[in-house]
């Protein structure tokens, strides 16, 4: 050190870097970045729950076919989008009832457990597309079975299954499941969507779905099969077309079912939580500015 000058003078003129403080500043910056990400996500917490045990209504499970054939456009804008629009119109007519959503193709799963929260139901409905299920086909029997198992145990409330499908590639067992539903007092509505003339299945790249031999796939509504399932369950069959009023007929039929007392639990108000995070970010930035990397001199 003496080769470069007076050690005491060098000590006065040279900054003394604190590795500990440098590490603390690094951690502060990382925390700020993490909090900024959380702020952008706009975290919310349901703070008020509306519960009304005196409301009377029914329970309805909607089972929606999302196989690739539902992308056919013989019903505008497509079979699937027409079905979703019909379901949304039904939801707009519901006020006291509970609703659940099931999607199916070669398999079936619950998209939304039975609820009286129509806002959430519409959000889940909007996100439904064929990519939700990788197994293709139309297993109506499995969809009906899952629907029956999705109701609450309340035996004093009318229950209905609204199954919407084009009926193609049915795996079998649907009529037996419809009979079981009828024996449990569950009303089954089968909605056939599509046309007898049929249509092709558009692909994401703008082409049409083809068989392995290069032949374009044409999909048609299997109306006869849909009617057989409805008959087996002593239910109702409705054909959904461009000019269909199926939602009006359904609404009228559902109003005939026995209404019972149901518990409605809905998150009616959500509090934004990002304000507290933003305040914490400001505090951390102030600390970062005030925290020097130099050591204090004696």
Foldseek 3Di string as FASTA:
>chain_A
DPVVHDPVVCVVPDFAFAPVLVVVLVVLVVLLVVLVVVLVVFDKDQDDKDKDQFFKAAEEEEEEEAALLQQFPLFPPGNLVLVLVLVLVLLVVDDRYWYWYWYDFPAIDTQGQTANASVVVNVSSVPDHNVVDPDHHHALQNSLVVQVVRDDPDLQHAYEYEYEELPPRYPDNLLVSLQVCLVSRYAYEYEHEFAQVFGFRADPVGDTDADPVRHTDTDGRPVVVSVSSQVSNVHYYHYDHNPDPVSVVVVVVSVPTRMDGDIHIDSPDMDGDSVVSVVVSVVSVVVSVPRDRGDDDD
